[in-house]
């Protein structure tokens, strides 16, 4: 249950962050509303997930996957650059989340 809620929180955060790009500095109404609703939903789901998940692990997964996904969306759909340094950073984020998960395994 906790990981399902966390997946929903990650999806909502990705939608919110992507919508923020289209809000044009919160000057466009619909993308701005999607951004606000997405972040509200993301935090609500994350809070519920934390009832059963450890905070360090959950937050690392939430922020790590969100960061990697938004970077990929930026490169694939928004024409942003994907340099070797950015790729290395994403790999390090994923490695860090993996290590945190392995460290908490029983």
C-alpha atoms as a PDB file:
ATOM      1  CA  UNK A   1       0.000   0.000   0.000  1.00  0.00           C
ATOM      2  CA  UNK A   2       2.759   2.436   0.938  1.00  0.00           C
ATOM      3  CA  UNK A   3       4.670   1.980  -2.291  1.00  0.00           C
ATOM      4  CA  UNK A   4       1.482   2.393  -4.330  1.00  0.00           C
ATOM      5  CA  UNK A   5       0.799   5.715  -2.591  1.00  0.00           C
ATOM      6  CA  UNK A   6       4.416   6.702  -3.169  1.00  0.00           C
ATOM      7  CA  UNK A   7       4.091   5.906  -6.886  1.00  0.00           C
ATOM      8  CA  UNK A   8       1.024   8.144  -7.049  1.00  0.00           C
ATOM      9  CA  UNK A   9       2.915  10.913  -5.251  1.00  0.00           C
ATOM     10  CA  UNK A  10       5.764  10.622  -7.743  1.00  0.00           C
ATOM     11  CA  UNK A  11       3.390  10.748 -10.718  1.00  0.00           C
ATOM     12  CA  UNK A  12       1.601  13.811  -9.312  1.00  0.00           C
ATOM     13  CA  UNK A  13       4.918  15.568  -8.678  1.00  0.00           C
ATOM     14  CA  UNK A  14       6.104  14.869 -12.229  1.00  0.00           C
ATOM     15  CA  UNK A  15       2.867  16.251 -13.692  1.00  0.00           C
ATOM     16  CA  UNK A  16       3.047  19.314 -11.425  1.00  0.00           C
ATOM     17  CA  UNK A  17       6.649  20.100 -12.274  1.00  0.00           C
ATOM     18  CA  UNK A  18       6.088  19.632 -16.001  1.00  0.00           C
ATOM     19  CA  UNK A  19       2.996  21.855 -15.838  1.00  0.00           C
ATOM     20  CA  UNK A  20       5.037  24.522 -14.077  1.00  0.00           C
ATOM     21  CA  UNK A  21       7.189  24.808 -17.197  1.00  0.00           C
ATOM     22  CA  UNK A  22       4.046  25.512 -19.239  1.00  0.00           C
ATOM     23  CA  UNK A  23       2.641  27.999 -16.688  1.00  0.00           C
ATOM     24  CA  UNK A  24       5.005  30.694 -18.018  1.00  0.00           C
ATOM     25  CA  UNK A  25       5.863  31.985 -14.555  1.00  0.00           C
ATOM     26  CA  UNK A  26       2.308  31.319 -13.307  1.00  0.00           C
ATOM     27  CA  UNK A  27       0.907  33.713 -15.902  1.00  0.00           C
ATOM     28  CA  UNK A  28      -1.165  31.002 -17.641  1.00  0.00           C
ATOM     29  CA  UNK A  29      -4.163  29.847 -15.615  1.00  0.00           C
ATOM     30  CA  UNK A  30      -4.662  26.184 -16.547  1.00  0.00           C
ATOM     31  CA  UNK A  31      -1.028  25.043 -16.225  1.00  0.00           C
ATOM     32  CA  UNK A  32      -0.775  27.043 -12.981  1.00  0.00           C
ATOM     33  CA  UNK A  33      -3.839  25.285 -11.555  1.00  0.00           C
ATOM     34  CA  UNK A  34      -2.478  21.885 -12.619  1.00  0.00           C
ATOM     35  CA  UNK A  35       0.815  22.730 -10.909  1.00  0.00           C
ATOM     36  CA  UNK A  36      -0.875  23.642  -7.637  1.00  0.00           C
ATOM     37  CA  UNK A  37      -3.237  20.665  -7.666  1.00  0.00           C
ATOM     38  CA  UNK A  38      -0.412  18.304  -8.605  1.00  0.00           C
ATOM     39  CA  UNK A  39       1.788  19.387  -5.735  1.00  0.00           C
ATOM     40  CA  UNK A  40      -1.119  19.248  -3.275  1.00  0.00           C
ATOM     41  CA  UNK A  41      -1.888  15.708  -4.389  1.00  0.00           C
ATOM     42  CA  UNK A  42       1.796  14.730  -4.354  1.00  0.00           C
ATOM     43  CA  UNK A  43       2.306  15.890  -0.770  1.00  0.00           C
ATOM     44  CA  UNK A  44      -0.969  14.356   0.408  1.00  0.00           C
ATOM     45  CA  UNK A  45      -0.058  10.982  -1.085  1.00  0.00           C
ATOM     46  CA  UNK A  46       3.506  11.207   0.222  1.00  0.00           C
ATOM     47  CA  UNK A  47       2.178  11.955   3.718  1.00  0.00           C
ATOM     48  CA  UNK A  48      -0.084   8.905   3.551  1.00  0.00           C
ATOM     49  CA  UNK A  49       2.778   6.733   2.260  1.00  0.00           C
ATOM     50  CA  UNK A  50       4.892   7.796   5.234  1.00  0.00           C
ATOM     51  CA  UNK A  51       2.466   6.007   7.539  1.00  0.00           C
ATOM     52  CA  UNK A  52       4.094   2.722   6.483  1.00  0.00           C
ATOM     53  CA  UNK A  53       7.408   3.690   4.838  1.00  0.00           C
ATOM     54  CA  UNK A  54      10.590   5.067   6.378  1.00  0.00           C
ATOM     55  CA  UNK A  55      10.906   8.778   5.697  1.00  0.00           C
ATOM     56  CA  UNK A  56      14.490   8.701   4.420  1.00  0.00           C
ATOM     57  CA  UNK A  57      13.831   5.918   1.961  1.00  0.00           C
ATOM     58  CA  UNK A  58      10.464   7.272   0.804  1.00  0.00           C
ATOM     59  CA  UNK A  59      11.770  10.786   0.282  1.00  0.00           C
ATOM     60  CA  UNK A  60      14.853   9.527  -1.553  1.00  0.00           C
ATOM     61  CA  UNK A  61      12.694   7.471  -3.908  1.00  0.00           C
ATOM     62  CA  UNK A  62      10.185  10.318  -4.374  1.00  0.00           C
ATOM     63  CA  UNK A  63      12.749  12.988  -5.100  1.00  0.00           C
ATOM     64  CA  UNK A  64      15.151  10.752  -7.022  1.00  0.00           C
ATOM     65  CA  UNK A  65      12.644   9.261  -9.430  1.00  0.00           C
ATOM     66  CA  UNK A  66      10.922  12.621  -9.793  1.00  0.00           C
ATOM     67  CA  UNK A  67      14.190  14.360 -10.618  1.00  0.00           C
ATOM     68  CA  UNK A  68      15.278  11.708 -13.112  1.00  0.00           C
ATOM     69  CA  UNK A  69      11.864  11.612 -14.803  1.00  0.00           C
ATOM     70  CA  UNK A  70      11.580  15.395 -15.115  1.00  0.00           C
ATOM     71  CA  UNK A  71      15.110  15.586 -16.539  1.00  0.00           C
ATOM     72  CA  UNK A  72      14.184  12.920 -19.103  1.00  0.00           C
ATOM     73  CA  UNK A  73      10.933  14.717 -19.979  1.00  0.00           C
ATOM     74  CA  UNK A  74      12.885  17.933 -20.444  1.00  0.00           C
ATOM     75  CA  UNK A  75      15.331  16.263 -22.791  1.00  0.00           C
ATOM     76  CA  UNK A  76      12.838  14.195 -24.795  1.00  0.00           C
ATOM     77  CA  UNK A  77       9.823  16.506 -25.025  1.00  0.00           C
ATOM     78  CA  UNK A  78      11.071  20.024 -24.276  1.00  0.00           C
ATOM     79  CA  UNK A  79      14.305  20.085 -26.245  1.00  0.00           C
ATOM     80  CA  UNK A  80      16.534  20.574 -23.203  1.00  0.00           C
ATOM     81  CA  UNK A  81      20.123  19.407 -23.367  1.00  0.00           C
ATOM     82  CA  UNK A  82      21.221  16.068 -21.941  1.00  0.00           C
ATOM     83  CA  UNK A  83      24.942  16.322 -21.347  1.00  0.00           C
ATOM     84  CA  UNK A  84      27.202  13.586 -20.025  1.00  0.00           C
ATOM     85  CA  UNK A  85      27.352  15.462 -16.713  1.00  0.00           C
ATOM     86  CA  UNK A  86      23.535  15.445 -16.438  1.00  0.00           C
ATOM     87  CA  UNK A  87      23.414  11.759 -17.279  1.00  0.00           C
ATOM     88  CA  UNK A  88      26.069  11.061 -14.644  1.00  0.00           C
ATOM     89  CA  UNK A  89      24.047  13.046 -12.095  1.00  0.00           C
ATOM     90  CA  UNK A  90      20.914  11.026 -12.828  1.00  0.00           C
ATOM     91  CA  UNK A  91      22.881   7.779 -12.536  1.00  0.00           C
ATOM     92  CA  UNK A  92      24.253   8.928  -9.173  1.00  0.00           C
ATOM     93  CA  UNK A  93      20.748   9.786  -7.948  1.00  0.00           C
ATOM     94  CA  UNK A  94      19.513   6.325  -8.912  1.00  0.00           C
ATOM     95  CA  UNK A  95      22.558   4.728  -7.277  1.00  0.00           C
ATOM     96  CA  UNK A  96      21.942   6.704  -4.088  1.00  0.00           C
ATOM     97  CA  UNK A  97      18.305   5.630  -3.906  1.00  0.00           C
ATOM     98  CA  UNK A  98      19.364   2.029  -4.499  1.00  0.00           C
ATOM     99  CA  UNK A  99      21.938   2.164  -1.720  1.00  0.00           C
ATOM    100  CA  UNK A 100      19.403   3.656   0.692  1.00  0.00           C
ATOM    101  CA  UNK A 101      16.967   0.869  -0.142  1.00  0.00           C
ATOM    102  CA  UNK A 102      19.574  -1.843   0.263  1.00  0.00           C
ATOM    103  CA  UNK A 103      20.684  -0.333   3.560  1.00  0.00           C
ATOM    104  CA  UNK A 104      17.153  -0.579   4.894  1.00  0.00           C
ATOM    105  CA  UNK A 105      16.520  -4.132   3.677  1.00  0.00           C
ATOM    106  CA  UNK A 106      15.943  -6.774   6.322  1.00  0.00           C
END
